Amino acid sequence: MRVRGGDLPLTEEGRDEVRAAVEAYAREGLRVLAIATRTLDPSVPFLSAEAVERELVLLGLAAMLDPPRAEVPQAVATCHRAGVRIVMTTGDHPLTAESIARRIGILGPAGGRVVLGRELDGMDEATLADLLGGEVVFARVRPEHKLRVVRALKALGHVVAVTGDGVNDAPALKSADIGIAMGLSGTDVAKESADIVLTDDNFASIVSAVEEGRAIFANIRKFTTYIFTSNTPEAVPFILFALTGGRIPLALGVMHVLSIDLGTDIMPALALGSERPEAGIMDRPPRRAGQHVVTPGLLLRAYVWLGPVQAAAAMAAFYFMYWTDGYWGRWLDLPAEGPLYRSATAMALAAVVTTPIGNLFAQRSASASAFGRGRAGLLRNPPLGACRGKSFARPGSRSRVFCPPRTPKTPSPPVRESCGTLEGPPSAVTVWTRCRARGGYAGRVAQPLRKSLSRLCVRQIRFHSAATFLSPRKENRLNLRASLIWPKPGSTICLRVL
């Protein structure tokens, strides 16, 4: 050992002093190199490393600091919350490995074990499996040790991802389920052996990728549930029609179903696929490796809960038109053609188009409110907001069948009268009259008709304006109907359209 320009023999006391200095540096997380020298005879031919690295003179110790990045402790804590275990295998000094592991959170403040490579050589598989069940760090390991640890973890049923940058990491990278090489500091051998190459050499990027992967899987389940749920109200009318032998008319036609599938299902489903990760997605345990996208719970939620709710809303709107137009309380043998049937199918179609808005809210998050300020808020997914606006606008355009919003700028058409005698017991009847208003809308005709009906001796008047169509000559053809309940047989009613 060279001391102040002179070479002195390295005694046991000197060796203990050097070891104490190495351990002190290692406990601080420093990597320590011993620097020594030897003068060789130039006439001696080439010698092996074993022949050269002896009878050396110790010059001193060099301690290097390679601190972990600032974001790594937070990333490790996120992994622990997500149920992702981290096992460190390194060739560094055991004290250095332990210091770094405790600093970034791989090992707790107390507890955990550091195992040397030579200890791993004499360890059987059962002991290694028990050891991997707790917090452990492997130090002074060789490539075969890393490969053995990977195989032991896979034998326990874990999905193993291995990070590495050196040539000695290649066997473990190749054997792992997911090999991750460092793109900046990694060797070509490590990059070729890995499945993923990190361009920034940042461990936090791996955690972000895990979060993104969970979000993608969750989004696939969301739009799958949305599609299954939306198919239920489309199928129920056909099922009821088949089971009753046509006594319940079809609430939706083939063209209705086609317009729903093409106009209201595709875009919301695609928008659900672009949802950002939910808050707390990294606080959930990992799913099973063999878990499928479509599970019994997903099918129950779609076909037993959300789907029947939409189907009930559509059929309720369908029957509402019949029950308010002379068929109160009747479930079967309803008219399957004519203006009333077309109005009923329009109501069912509007319900099927509108209810998916609630389905979208239900699919976005199973725990967070869609109206909150978190990641499930209304404005956090612009494509989904656009789809909701489109869904609101589509039934709004169909609502003109029932509530025309505008009034005409031209005078009303000439008077037209439709009279009839109402026979039978007090009941509900629908009287139809048609007119043609040049450049006008049903709202212009509605008020005079309502005043005319109010002068009748009737107990109930229900007015509906139905079906406003624009003719090629830009004339609005209006179909108007009024549902009446008269007090006694023999009453006469005249509908005057002004």
Protein backbone atom coordinates (compact mmCIF):
# COMPACT_ATOMS: atom_id res chain seq x y z
CA MET A 1 0.00 0.00 0.00
CA ARG A 2 1.44 3.34 -1.02
CA VAL A 3 1.41 5.89 1.77
CA ARG A 4 2.86 9.40 1.31
CA GLY A 5 5.12 8.39 -1.54
CA GLY A 6 6.32 5.16 0.02
CA ASP A 7 5.17 1.56 -0.38
CA LEU A 8 4.35 -0.26 2.83
CA PRO A 9 3.19 -3.84 3.33
CA LEU A 10 -0.60 -4.19 3.63
CA THR A 11 -1.13 -5.60 7.11
CA GLU A 12 -4.34 -7.02 8.55
CA GLU A 13 -4.91 -3.74 10.34
CA GLY A 14 -4.55 -1.91 7.03
CA ARG A 15 -6.94 -4.35 5.34
CA ASP A 16 -9.56 -3.75 8.03
CA GLU A 17 -9.15 -0.01 7.56
CA VAL A 18 -9.69 -0.32 3.78
CA ARG A 19 -12.75 -2.57 4.27
CA ALA A 20 -14.25 -0.10 6.73
CA ALA A 21 -13.81 2.74 4.23
CA VAL A 22 -15.40 0.68 1.43
CA GLU A 23 -18.39 -0.22 3.60
CA ALA A 24 -18.83 3.38 4.73
CA TYR A 25 -18.94 4.58 1.13
CA ALA A 26 -21.26 1.68 0.14
CA ARG A 27 -23.76 2.50 2.91
CA GLU A 28 -24.08 5.94 1.40
CA GLY A 29 -25.07 4.41 -1.92
CA LEU A 30 -21.68 5.03 -3.59
CA ARG A 31 -19.95 2.68 -5.98
CA VAL A 32 -16.37 2.08 -4.84
CA LEU A 33 -13.39 1.21 -7.03
CA ALA A 34 -9.99 0.16 -5.66
CA ILE A 35 -7.07 1.53 -7.71
CA ALA A 36 -3.76 -0.40 -7.66
CA THR A 37 -0.56 -0.54 -9.71
CA ARG A 38 2.22 -2.93 -10.68
CA THR A 39 5.31 -2.45 -12.78
CA LEU A 40 5.86 -5.19 -15.36
CA ASP A 41 9.06 -6.14 -17.12
CA PRO A 42 8.79 -5.06 -20.80
CA SER A 43 10.62 -8.18 -21.90
CA VAL A 44 7.97 -10.47 -20.42
CA PRO A 45 5.57 -11.71 -23.14
CA PHE A 46 1.80 -11.21 -22.96
CA LEU A 47 0.37 -12.44 -19.66
CA SER A 48 -3.16 -13.38 -18.63
CA ALA A 49 -5.20 -11.25 -16.25
CA GLU A 50 -4.67 -13.74 -13.46
CA ALA A 51 -0.91 -13.46 -13.89
CA VAL A 52 -0.95 -9.69 -13.96
CA GLU A 53 -3.45 -8.91 -11.20
CA ARG A 54 -1.23 -9.98 -8.28
CA GLU A 55 1.45 -8.37 -6.17
CA LEU A 56 -0.35 -5.06 -6.68
CA VAL A 57 0.26 -1.85 -4.77
CA LEU A 58 -2.98 -0.21 -3.52
CA LEU A 59 -3.06 3.45 -4.43
CA GLY A 60 -6.48 4.37 -3.00
CA LEU A 61 -10.26 4.19 -3.33
CA ALA A 62 -12.54 6.05 -5.75
CA ALA A 63 -16.21 6.49 -4.74
CA MET A 64 -18.74 7.36 -7.49
CA LEU A 65 -22.24 8.66 -6.99
CA ASP A 66 -24.93 7.40 -9.42
CA PRO A 67 -28.12 8.62 -7.74
CA PRO A 68 -31.58 7.45 -8.85
CA ARG A 69 -33.74 9.95 -10.67
CA ALA A 70 -36.01 12.16 -8.61
CA GLU A 71 -39.21 10.58 -10.00
CA VAL A 72 -38.19 6.97 -9.26
CA PRO A 73 -39.36 6.84 -5.59
CA GLN A 74 -42.83 8.03 -6.62
CA ALA A 75 -42.89 5.47 -9.44
CA VAL A 76 -41.92 2.67 -7.04
CA ALA A 77 -44.66 3.74 -4.61
CA THR A 78 -47.16 3.68 -7.48
CA CYS A 79 -46.05 0.15 -8.35
CA HIS A 80 -46.62 -0.98 -4.78
CA ARG A 81 -50.16 0.49 -4.81
CA ALA A 82 -50.85 -1.22 -8.12
CA GLY A 83 -49.72 -4.62 -6.85
CA VAL A 84 -46.54 -4.66 -8.94
CA ARG A 85 -43.57 -6.13 -7.07
CA ILE A 86 -40.00 -4.99 -7.75
CA VAL A 87 -37.01 -7.30 -7.22
CA MET A 88 -33.55 -5.76 -7.61
CA THR A 89 -30.73 -7.90 -9.01
CA THR A 90 -27.39 -6.14 -9.34
CA GLY A 91 -23.71 -6.82 -9.45
CA ASP A 92 -22.96 -3.98 -7.03
CA HIS A 93 -21.77 -4.26 -3.44
CA PRO A 94 -24.56 -5.56 -1.16
CA LEU A 95 -24.43 -2.46 1.03
CA THR A 96 -24.72 -0.20 -2.02
CA ALA A 97 -27.66 -2.24 -3.33
CA GLU A 98 -29.39 -2.13 0.06
CA SER A 99 -28.85 1.62 0.42
CA ILE A 100 -30.32 2.37 -3.03
CA ALA A 101 -33.21 -0.06 -2.52
CA ARG A 102 -34.23 1.54 0.77
CA ARG A 103 -33.81 5.05 -0.62
CA ILE A 104 -36.22 4.47 -3.52
CA GLY A 105 -38.65 2.28 -1.58
CA ILE A 106 -37.98 -1.23 -2.92
CA LEU A 107 -37.09 -2.25 0.64
CA GLY A 108 -38.93 -0.86 3.62
CA PRO A 109 -37.26 1.17 6.37
CA ALA A 110 -36.87 -2.04 8.33
CA GLY A 111 -36.91 -5.60 7.14
CA GLY A 112 -36.10 -7.07 3.79
CA ARG A 113 -33.12 -9.21 2.92
CA VAL A 114 -30.04 -8.85 0.75
CA VAL A 115 -28.89 -12.13 -0.82
CA LEU A 116 -25.46 -12.56 -2.42
CA GLY A 117 -24.88 -14.50 -5.59
CA ARG A 118 -22.78 -17.11 -3.81
CA GLU A 119 -25.67 -17.73 -1.40
CA LEU A 120 -27.96 -18.24 -4.38
CA ASP A 121 -25.67 -20.99 -5.68
CA GLY A 122 -26.34 -23.18 -2.66
CA MET A 123 -30.10 -22.45 -2.46
CA ASP A 124 -32.72 -24.96 -3.64
CA GLU A 125 -35.85 -23.98 -5.60
CA ALA A 126 -38.24 -24.24 -2.63
CA THR A 127 -36.09 -21.93 -0.52
CA LEU A 128 -35.79 -19.48 -3.41
CA ALA A 129 -39.58 -19.50 -3.90
CA ASP A 130 -40.11 -18.70 -0.20
CA LEU A 131 -37.49 -15.96 -0.43
CA LEU A 132 -39.24 -14.36 -3.41
CA GLY A 133 -42.45 -14.11 -1.41
CA GLY A 134 -41.03 -11.19 0.59
CA GLU A 135 -38.85 -8.13 0.09
CA VAL A 136 -35.48 -9.20 -1.30
CA VAL A 137 -32.51 -7.69 -3.15
CA PHE A 138 -29.89 -9.80 -4.93
CA ALA A 139 -26.34 -8.41 -5.04
CA ARG A 140 -23.06 -9.58 -6.54
CA VAL A 141 -24.98 -11.73 -9.01
CA ARG A 142 -23.92 -13.17 -12.34
CA PRO A 143 -26.04 -13.57 -15.51
CA GLU A 144 -27.05 -17.12 -14.57
CA HIS A 145 -28.34 -15.87 -11.21
CA LYS A 146 -30.60 -13.31 -12.90
CA LEU A 147 -31.92 -15.97 -15.25
CA ARG A 148 -32.69 -18.27 -12.32
CA VAL A 149 -34.60 -15.56 -10.47
CA VAL A 150 -36.70 -14.85 -13.58
CA ARG A 151 -37.57 -18.53 -14.03
CA ALA A 152 -38.45 -18.88 -10.36
CA LEU A 153 -40.85 -15.94 -10.53
CA LYS A 154 -42.52 -17.33 -13.68
CA ALA A 155 -42.89 -20.70 -11.95
CA LEU A 156 -44.81 -18.93 -9.18
CA GLY A 157 -47.33 -17.67 -11.77
CA HIS A 158 -46.08 -14.08 -12.04
CA VAL A 159 -45.90 -12.05 -15.23
CA VAL A 160 -42.24 -10.98 -15.23
CA ALA A 161 -40.77 -7.86 -16.81
CA VAL A 162 -36.98 -7.46 -16.72
CA THR A 163 -34.99 -4.26 -17.28
CA GLY A 164 -31.34 -4.28 -18.26
CA ASP A 165 -28.67 -2.51 -20.29
CA GLY A 166 -25.64 -4.79 -20.38
CA VAL A 167 -24.58 -7.89 -22.25
CA ASN A 168 -24.91 -9.95 -19.09
CA ASP A 169 -28.61 -8.99 -18.89
CA ALA A 170 -29.44 -10.55 -22.27
CA PRO A 171 -30.38 -14.05 -21.00
CA ALA A 172 -32.79 -12.65 -18.42
CA LEU A 173 -34.27 -10.18 -20.94
CA LYS A 174 -34.89 -13.00 -23.39
CA SER A 175 -36.44 -15.33 -20.81
CA ALA A 176 -38.81 -12.75 -19.28
CA ASP A 177 -42.40 -12.25 -20.41
CA ILE A 178 -41.45 -8.65 -21.27
CA GLY A 179 -37.83 -7.63 -21.77
CA ILE A 180 -37.14 -3.90 -21.42
CA ALA A 181 -33.76 -2.52 -22.54
CA MET A 182 -32.34 0.93 -22.02
CA GLY A 183 -32.20 2.90 -25.25
CA LEU A 184 -29.57 5.46 -24.28
CA SER A 185 -27.11 3.44 -22.19
CA GLY A 186 -28.04 -0.08 -23.31
CA THR A 187 -25.83 -2.27 -25.44
CA ASP A 188 -26.89 -3.57 -28.84
CA VAL A 189 -27.09 -7.11 -27.42
CA ALA A 190 -29.54 -5.99 -24.73
CA LYS A 191 -31.68 -4.10 -27.24
CA GLU A 192 -31.86 -7.08 -29.59
CA SER A 193 -32.85 -9.39 -26.73
CA ALA A 194 -35.59 -7.09 -25.36
CA ASP A 195 -39.21 -6.64 -26.42
CA ILE A 196 -39.32 -2.92 -25.53
CA VAL A 197 -36.59 -0.27 -25.69
CA LEU A 198 -36.92 2.77 -23.43
CA THR A 199 -35.83 5.88 -25.29
CA ASP A 200 -35.31 7.90 -22.08
CA ASP A 201 -33.87 5.19 -19.76
CA ASN A 202 -36.43 6.26 -17.15
CA PHE A 203 -38.05 3.75 -14.83
CA ALA A 204 -41.04 6.07 -14.41
CA SER A 205 -41.83 5.56 -18.11
CA ILE A 206 -42.45 1.87 -17.38
CA VAL A 207 -44.99 2.78 -14.71
CA SER A 208 -46.71 5.18 -17.10
CA ALA A 209 -46.88 2.38 -19.67
CA VAL A 210 -48.52 0.09 -17.11
CA GLU A 211 -51.12 2.77 -16.39
CA GLU A 212 -51.77 3.28 -20.11
CA GLY A 213 -52.11 -0.46 -20.66
CA ARG A 214 -54.68 -0.73 -17.89
CA ALA A 215 -56.58 2.20 -19.37
CA ILE A 216 -56.64 0.58 -22.82
CA PHE A 217 -57.99 -2.68 -21.40
CA ALA A 218 -60.62 -0.80 -19.40
CA ASN A 219 -61.67 1.22 -22.47
CA ILE A 220 -62.10 -1.96 -24.52
CA ARG A 221 -64.43 -3.28 -21.82
CA LYS A 222 -66.30 0.05 -21.74
CA PHE A 223 -67.18 0.21 -25.42
CA THR A 224 -67.87 -3.54 -25.50
CA THR A 225 -70.41 -3.09 -22.71
CA TYR A 226 -71.82 -0.04 -24.49
CA ILE A 227 -72.38 -1.97 -27.72
CA PHE A 228 -73.94 -4.96 -25.94
CA THR A 229 -76.22 -2.64 -23.96
CA SER A 230 -77.31 -0.70 -27.06
CA ASN A 231 -78.17 -3.92 -28.89
CA THR A 232 -80.73 -4.92 -26.25
CA PRO A 233 -83.46 -2.32 -27.04
CA GLU A 234 -82.99 -3.06 -30.73
CA ALA A 235 -83.58 -6.79 -30.21
CA VAL A 236 -86.45 -6.65 -27.70
CA PRO A 237 -89.14 -5.41 -30.19
CA PHE A 238 -88.38 -8.28 -32.55
CA ILE A 239 -88.39 -10.77 -29.69
CA LEU A 240 -91.80 -9.53 -28.47
CA PHE A 241 -93.15 -9.61 -32.04
CA ALA A 242 -92.00 -13.21 -32.49
CA LEU A 243 -93.18 -14.45 -29.09
CA THR A 244 -96.68 -12.97 -29.51
CA GLY A 245 -97.10 -14.02 -33.10
CA GLY A 246 -97.31 -10.42 -34.30
CA ARG A 247 -99.95 -9.32 -31.76
CA ILE A 248 -97.44 -6.73 -30.52
CA PRO A 249 -96.43 -4.64 -33.54
CA LEU A 250 -92.78 -4.04 -34.27
CA ALA A 251 -91.69 -0.99 -32.32
CA LEU A 252 -88.65 -0.60 -34.58
CA GLY A 253 -88.24 -1.40 -38.23
CA VAL A 254 -85.18 -2.69 -40.02
CA MET A 255 -84.28 0.79 -41.27
CA HIS A 256 -84.65 2.14 -37.74
CA VAL A 257 -82.15 -0.42 -36.43
CA LEU A 258 -79.76 0.31 -39.27
CA SER A 259 -79.90 4.06 -38.61
CA ILE A 260 -79.25 3.48 -34.90
CA ASP A 261 -76.25 1.23 -35.54
CA LEU A 262 -74.70 3.57 -38.09
CA GLY A 263 -75.70 6.90 -36.62
CA THR A 264 -75.63 6.61 -32.83
CA ASP A 265 -73.57 3.55 -31.80
CA ILE A 266 -70.31 3.75 -33.73
CA MET A 267 -69.01 7.21 -32.77
CA PRO A 268 -69.77 6.99 -29.02
CA ALA A 269 -68.10 3.59 -28.89
CA LEU A 270 -64.99 4.97 -30.59
CA ALA A 271 -65.02 7.94 -28.23
CA LEU A 272 -65.12 5.60 -25.24
CA GLY A 273 -61.98 3.99 -26.61
CA SER A 274 -60.12 7.30 -26.23
CA GLU A 275 -60.97 7.77 -22.54
CA ARG A 276 -58.10 8.89 -20.32
CA PRO A 277 -57.06 6.60 -17.44
CA GLU A 278 -59.47 6.77 -14.53
CA ALA A 279 -58.35 8.24 -11.24
CA GLY A 280 -57.29 5.39 -8.97
CA ILE A 281 -56.63 2.93 -11.80
CA MET A 282 -53.18 2.29 -10.32
CA ASP A 283 -54.67 1.59 -6.91
CA ARG A 284 -56.26 -1.64 -8.13
CA PRO A 285 -54.60 -5.05 -8.02
CA PRO A 286 -53.50 -6.58 -11.34
CA ARG A 287 -56.05 -8.63 -13.23
CA ARG A 288 -55.47 -12.31 -13.78
CA ALA A 289 -53.29 -13.15 -16.76
CA GLY A 290 -56.01 -15.36 -18.25
CA GLN A 291 -58.89 -12.94 -17.73
CA HIS A 292 -60.90 -12.26 -20.89
CA VAL A 293 -62.39 -8.97 -22.04
CA VAL A 294 -65.93 -10.37 -22.01
CA THR A 295 -66.71 -11.73 -18.55
CA PRO A 296 -69.95 -12.93 -16.92
CA GLY A 297 -70.09 -9.69 -14.93
CA LEU A 298 -69.87 -7.63 -18.13
CA LEU A 299 -72.68 -9.64 -19.76
CA LEU A 300 -74.88 -9.34 -16.68
CA ARG A 301 -74.38 -5.57 -16.54
CA ALA A 302 -75.17 -5.19 -20.23
CA TYR A 303 -78.02 -7.66 -20.71
CA VAL A 304 -79.62 -7.83 -17.26
CA TRP A 305 -79.31 -4.26 -15.98
CA LEU A 306 -78.52 -1.47 -18.46
CA GLY A 307 -79.95 -3.08 -21.59
CA PRO A 308 -83.39 -3.86 -20.12
CA VAL A 309 -83.62 -0.28 -18.80
CA GLN A 310 -83.15 1.07 -22.32
CA ALA A 311 -85.55 -1.50 -23.77
CA ALA A 312 -88.20 -0.61 -21.15
CA ALA A 313 -87.87 3.10 -22.02
CA ALA A 314 -88.32 2.36 -25.74
CA MET A 315 -91.37 0.12 -25.25
CA ALA A 316 -92.89 2.60 -22.77
CA ALA A 317 -92.65 5.35 -25.39
CA PHE A 318 -94.13 2.99 -27.97
CA TYR A 319 -97.15 2.09 -25.81
CA PHE A 320 -97.58 5.70 -24.66
CA MET A 321 -98.70 6.70 -28.15
CA TYR A 322 -101.30 3.94 -28.28
CA TRP A 323 -102.60 4.42 -24.74
CA THR A 324 -103.12 8.17 -25.25
CA ASP A 325 -104.92 7.68 -28.56
CA GLY A 326 -107.79 5.34 -27.79
CA TYR A 327 -106.06 2.12 -26.77
CA TRP A 328 -105.60 2.68 -23.04
CA GLY A 329 -104.49 -0.42 -21.18
CA ARG A 330 -104.27 -2.60 -24.28
CA TRP A 331 -101.07 -4.62 -24.71
CA LEU A 332 -101.91 -6.81 -27.69
CA ASP A 333 -103.66 -6.52 -31.05
CA LEU A 334 -102.63 -2.92 -31.65
CA PRO A 335 -102.70 -1.31 -35.12
CA ALA A 336 -99.59 -2.22 -37.11
CA GLU A 337 -100.03 0.41 -39.81
CA GLY A 338 -101.31 3.92 -40.28
CA PRO A 339 -100.34 7.30 -38.81
CA LEU A 340 -100.72 6.17 -35.20
CA TYR A 341 -98.37 3.23 -35.71
CA ARG A 342 -95.81 5.45 -37.41
CA SER A 343 -95.97 7.93 -34.54
CA ALA A 344 -95.48 5.10 -32.04
CA THR A 345 -92.42 3.80 -33.87
CA ALA A 346 -91.06 7.36 -34.00
CA MET A 347 -91.45 7.60 -30.22
CA ALA A 348 -89.65 4.26 -29.75
CA LEU A 349 -86.88 5.36 -32.08
CA ALA A 350 -86.43 8.64 -30.20
CA ALA A 351 -86.21 6.72 -26.91
CA VAL A 352 -83.62 4.27 -28.29
CA VAL A 353 -81.53 7.17 -29.62
CA THR A 354 -81.78 9.21 -26.40
CA THR A 355 -81.20 6.56 -23.72
CA PRO A 356 -77.62 5.77 -24.89
CA ILE A 357 -76.66 9.19 -23.48
CA GLY A 358 -77.23 7.76 -20.02
CA ASN A 359 -75.45 4.61 -21.12
CA LEU A 360 -72.40 6.70 -22.00
CA PHE A 361 -72.39 8.26 -18.53
CA ALA A 362 -72.72 4.82 -16.96
CA GLN A 363 -69.82 3.34 -18.96
CA ARG A 364 -67.27 6.09 -18.35
CA SER A 365 -66.58 5.12 -14.75
CA ALA A 366 -67.90 2.54 -12.34
CA SER A 367 -67.03 4.66 -9.29
CA ALA A 368 -66.53 8.35 -10.20
CA SER A 369 -69.29 10.79 -11.10
CA ALA A 370 -69.51 11.85 -14.74
CA PHE A 371 -70.43 15.36 -13.55
CA GLY A 372 -67.40 15.81 -11.28
CA ARG A 373 -64.16 17.65 -11.93
CA GLY A 374 -61.92 14.60 -12.03
CA ARG A 375 -60.84 12.54 -15.01
CA ALA A 376 -64.45 11.43 -15.57
CA GLY A 377 -65.72 15.01 -15.87
CA LEU A 378 -67.85 16.12 -18.77
CA LEU A 379 -65.10 18.10 -20.50
CA ARG A 380 -62.27 15.57 -20.10
CA ASN A 381 -63.06 13.71 -23.34
CA PRO A 382 -63.90 16.13 -26.21
CA PRO A 383 -64.82 13.35 -28.72
CA LEU A 384 -67.27 11.92 -26.22
CA GLY A 385 -68.74 15.36 -25.59
CA ALA A 386 -69.26 15.81 -29.33
CA CYS A 387 -71.03 12.46 -29.51
CA ARG A 388 -73.32 13.45 -26.66
CA GLY A 389 -74.17 16.69 -28.42
CA LYS A 390 -74.93 14.78 -31.60
CA SER A 391 -77.18 12.41 -29.64
CA PHE A 392 -79.05 15.35 -28.12
CA ALA A 393 -79.46 17.01 -31.51
CA ARG A 394 -80.70 13.89 -33.28
CA PRO A 395 -83.76 13.27 -31.09
CA GLY A 396 -84.32 17.02 -31.06
CA SER A 397 -84.78 16.98 -34.83
CA ARG A 398 -87.20 14.07 -34.54
CA SER A 399 -89.18 15.90 -31.86
CA ARG A 400 -90.50 18.19 -34.58
CA VAL A 401 -92.85 15.34 -35.38
CA PHE A 402 -94.64 16.32 -32.18
CA CYS A 403 -93.66 19.92 -31.32
CA PRO A 404 -92.88 22.18 -34.31
CA PRO A 405 -90.88 25.10 -32.89
CA ARG A 406 -91.51 27.83 -35.47
CA THR A 407 -94.48 29.92 -36.57
CA PRO A 408 -95.12 30.96 -40.15
CA LYS A 409 -94.65 34.36 -41.65
CA THR A 410 -97.54 33.94 -44.14
CA PRO A 411 -101.32 34.13 -43.55
CA SER A 412 -103.16 31.00 -42.46
CA PRO A 413 -104.88 28.80 -45.07
CA PRO A 414 -108.64 28.87 -45.80
CA VAL A 415 -111.10 27.35 -43.35
CA ARG A 416 -111.60 23.60 -43.61
CA GLU A 417 -114.13 21.68 -41.53
CA SER A 418 -114.35 17.99 -40.61
CA CYS A 419 -117.54 16.95 -38.74
CA GLY A 420 -118.76 13.66 -37.27
CA THR A 421 -121.17 12.21 -34.76
CA LEU A 422 -119.63 10.45 -31.77
CA GLU A 423 -121.55 7.33 -30.83
CA GLY A 424 -121.14 4.79 -28.05
CA PRO A 425 -120.17 5.16 -24.40
CA PRO A 426 -117.76 7.85 -23.22
CA SER A 427 -114.35 6.90 -24.57
CA ALA A 428 -111.35 8.30 -26.43
CA VAL A 429 -111.31 8.77 -30.15
CA THR A 430 -108.84 10.25 -32.61
CA VAL A 431 -110.21 12.52 -35.33
CA TRP A 432 -107.83 13.29 -38.19
CA THR A 433 -107.90 16.28 -40.52
CA ARG A 434 -105.40 17.33 -43.12
CA CYS A 435 -104.55 20.69 -44.56
CA ARG A 436 -101.86 22.34 -46.61
CA ALA A 437 -100.26 25.54 -45.30
CA ARG A 438 -98.19 27.34 -47.89
CA GLY A 439 -94.91 28.25 -46.23
CA GLY A 440 -96.38 27.64 -42.74
CA TYR A 441 -95.91 25.28 -39.82
CA ALA A 442 -98.20 23.30 -37.58
CA GLY A 443 -97.80 25.77 -34.73
CA ARG A 444 -99.79 28.35 -36.75
CA VAL A 445 -102.70 25.95 -37.11
CA ALA A 446 -102.51 24.59 -33.58
CA GLN A 447 -103.86 27.63 -31.74
CA PRO A 448 -107.09 28.13 -33.80
CA LEU A 449 -107.75 24.39 -33.61
CA ARG A 450 -107.29 24.37 -29.87
CA LYS A 451 -109.73 27.33 -29.51
CA SER A 452 -112.28 25.55 -31.70
CA LEU A 453 -112.08 22.39 -29.59
CA SER A 454 -112.35 24.32 -26.34
CA ARG A 455 -115.91 25.37 -27.24
CA LEU A 456 -117.07 21.74 -27.35
CA CYS A 457 -118.81 20.04 -24.41
CA VAL A 458 -116.01 17.55 -23.85
CA ARG A 459 -114.32 16.47 -20.68
CA GLN A 460 -110.80 16.09 -22.03
CA ILE A 461 -108.97 17.39 -25.06
CA ARG A 462 -105.55 16.17 -26.16
CA PHE A 463 -103.97 17.93 -29.10
CA HIS A 464 -101.02 16.62 -31.08
CA SER A 465 -99.46 18.01 -34.20
CA ALA A 466 -98.03 15.17 -36.20
CA ALA A 467 -95.70 14.80 -39.15
CA THR A 468 -94.53 18.03 -40.74
CA PHE A 469 -93.15 17.30 -44.20
CA LEU A 470 -91.72 19.76 -46.70
CA SER A 471 -93.11 19.16 -50.18
CA PRO A 472 -91.12 19.74 -53.39
CA ARG A 473 -93.10 22.97 -53.89
CA LYS A 474 -91.96 24.18 -50.44
CA GLU A 475 -95.43 23.66 -48.95
CA ASN A 476 -95.77 22.23 -45.45
CA ARG A 477 -98.22 19.37 -45.45
CA LEU A 478 -99.70 19.10 -41.99
CA ASN A 479 -101.41 16.09 -40.41
CA LEU A 480 -103.32 17.18 -37.29
CA ARG A 481 -105.18 15.03 -34.84
CA ALA A 482 -107.14 15.63 -31.63
CA SER A 483 -108.01 12.95 -29.08
CA LEU A 484 -111.36 13.66 -27.37
CA ILE A 485 -113.44 12.20 -24.58
CA TRP A 486 -117.09 13.17 -25.06
CA PRO A 487 -119.79 13.27 -22.32
CA LYS A 488 -122.62 11.30 -23.93
CA PRO A 489 -123.54 9.40 -27.09
CA GLY A 490 -124.83 11.40 -30.02
CA SER A 491 -122.45 14.36 -29.56
CA THR A 492 -121.40 16.07 -32.74
CA ILE A 493 -117.92 17.54 -33.24
CA CYS A 494 -116.54 19.72 -36.01
CA LEU A 495 -112.83 20.35 -36.35
CA ARG A 496 -112.16 23.72 -37.94
CA VAL A 497 -108.69 24.33 -39.32
CA LEU A 498 -108.21 28.10 -39.83
